[in-house]
């Protein structure tokens, strides 16, 4: 024991049980990332008259589900 240390032997055993290598590796294996869904690209044709009037405009839309 360390002099004037408030940590008890029971608390040390609890910490060892919680943070031991087997617990850490087990939790790392259980918390893996899932693959994100595929990105769907959907392009539409711009009518020529609209493009001629607004050739300097850029439109971008993000849809989150």
C-alpha atoms as a PDB file:
ATOM      1  CA  UNK A   1       0.000   0.000   0.000  1.00  0.00           C
ATOM      2  CA  UNK A   2       1.050   3.573  -0.622  1.00  0.00           C
ATOM      3  CA  UNK A   3       1.216   5.852   2.390  1.00  0.00           C
ATOM      4  CA  UNK A   4      -1.727   8.306   2.665  1.00  0.00           C
ATOM      5  CA  UNK A   5      -3.471   6.789  -0.375  1.00  0.00           C
ATOM      6  CA  UNK A   6      -7.261   6.508  -0.081  1.00  0.00           C
ATOM      7  CA  UNK A   7      -7.559   3.745  -2.690  1.00  0.00           C
ATOM      8  CA  UNK A   8      -8.387   0.434  -1.043  1.00  0.00           C
ATOM      9  CA  UNK A   9      -7.353  -3.030  -2.119  1.00  0.00           C
ATOM     10  CA  UNK A  10     -10.989  -3.797  -2.986  1.00  0.00           C
ATOM     11  CA  UNK A  11     -11.153  -0.765  -5.293  1.00  0.00           C
ATOM     12  CA  UNK A  12      -7.923  -1.867  -6.987  1.00  0.00           C
ATOM     13  CA  UNK A  13      -9.410  -5.319  -7.609  1.00  0.00           C
ATOM     14  CA  UNK A  14     -12.567  -3.733  -9.036  1.00  0.00           C
ATOM     15  CA  UNK A  15     -10.519  -1.540 -11.395  1.00  0.00           C
ATOM     16  CA  UNK A  16      -8.485  -4.537 -12.498  1.00  0.00           C
ATOM     17  CA  UNK A  17     -11.670  -6.483 -13.259  1.00  0.00           C
ATOM     18  CA  UNK A  18     -13.160  -3.566 -15.221  1.00  0.00           C
ATOM     19  CA  UNK A  19     -10.071  -2.465 -17.162  1.00  0.00           C
ATOM     20  CA  UNK A  20      -8.214  -5.742 -17.660  1.00  0.00           C
ATOM     21  CA  UNK A  21      -6.949  -6.652 -21.134  1.00  0.00           C
ATOM     22  CA  UNK A  22      -9.699  -9.194 -21.743  1.00  0.00           C
ATOM     23  CA  UNK A  23     -12.405  -6.616 -20.984  1.00  0.00           C
ATOM     24  CA  UNK A  24     -10.855  -3.999 -23.260  1.00  0.00           C
ATOM     25  CA  UNK A  25     -10.320  -6.352 -26.189  1.00  0.00           C
ATOM     26  CA  UNK A  26     -13.813  -7.759 -25.779  1.00  0.00           C
ATOM     27  CA  UNK A  27     -15.398  -4.318 -25.832  1.00  0.00           C
ATOM     28  CA  UNK A  28     -13.317  -3.308 -28.865  1.00  0.00           C
ATOM     29  CA  UNK A  29     -14.616  -6.325 -30.747  1.00  0.00           C
ATOM     30  CA  UNK A  30     -18.216  -5.607 -29.829  1.00  0.00           C
ATOM     31  CA  UNK A  31     -18.135  -1.958 -30.844  1.00  0.00           C
ATOM     32  CA  UNK A  32     -17.057  -2.194 -34.467  1.00  0.00           C
ATOM     33  CA  UNK A  33     -18.243   0.299 -37.057  1.00  0.00           C
ATOM     34  CA  UNK A  34     -21.018  -0.688 -39.417  1.00  0.00           C
ATOM     35  CA  UNK A  35     -20.641  -0.066 -43.144  1.00  0.00           C
ATOM     36  CA  UNK A  36     -22.539   2.997 -44.345  1.00  0.00           C
ATOM     37  CA  UNK A  37     -25.166   2.620 -47.038  1.00  0.00           C
ATOM     38  CA  UNK A  38     -24.390   3.250 -50.681  1.00  0.00           C
ATOM     39  CA  UNK A  39     -24.558   6.786 -52.014  1.00  0.00           C
ATOM     40  CA  UNK A  40     -27.250   7.159 -54.636  1.00  0.00           C
ATOM     41  CA  UNK A  41     -26.495   9.722 -57.306  1.00  0.00           C
ATOM     42  CA  UNK A  42     -29.490  11.019 -59.184  1.00  0.00           C
ATOM     43  CA  UNK A  43     -28.826  13.527 -61.959  1.00  0.00           C
ATOM     44  CA  UNK A  44     -31.510  15.333 -63.911  1.00  0.00           C
ATOM     45  CA  UNK A  45     -31.228  17.176 -67.181  1.00  0.00           C
ATOM     46  CA  UNK A  46     -31.473  20.959 -67.039  1.00  0.00           C
ATOM     47  CA  UNK A  47     -33.719  22.456 -69.711  1.00  0.00           C
ATOM     48  CA  UNK A  48     -31.600  24.491 -72.175  1.00  0.00           C
ATOM     49  CA  UNK A  49     -33.631  27.701 -71.717  1.00  0.00           C
ATOM     50  CA  UNK A  50     -33.137  27.564 -67.948  1.00  0.00           C
ATOM     51  CA  UNK A  51     -29.425  26.963 -68.360  1.00  0.00           C
ATOM     52  CA  UNK A  52     -29.028  29.887 -70.768  1.00  0.00           C
ATOM     53  CA  UNK A  53     -30.751  32.298 -68.377  1.00  0.00           C
ATOM     54  CA  UNK A  54     -28.883  31.122 -65.259  1.00  0.00           C
ATOM     55  CA  UNK A  55     -25.521  29.859 -66.464  1.00  0.00           C
ATOM     56  CA  UNK A  56     -23.668  31.272 -63.413  1.00  0.00           C
ATOM     57  CA  UNK A  57     -25.888  29.583 -60.789  1.00  0.00           C
ATOM     58  CA  UNK A  58     -24.704  26.402 -59.062  1.00  0.00           C
ATOM     59  CA  UNK A  59     -27.302  24.312 -57.240  1.00  0.00           C
ATOM     60  CA  UNK A  60     -26.394  21.535 -54.817  1.00  0.00           C
ATOM     61  CA  UNK A  61     -28.758  19.649 -52.530  1.00  0.00           C
ATOM     62  CA  UNK A  62     -27.957  17.189 -49.733  1.00  0.00           C
ATOM     63  CA  UNK A  63     -30.724  14.944 -48.444  1.00  0.00           C
ATOM     64  CA  UNK A  64     -30.214  13.176 -45.112  1.00  0.00           C
ATOM     65  CA  UNK A  65     -32.361  10.254 -44.069  1.00  0.00           C
END
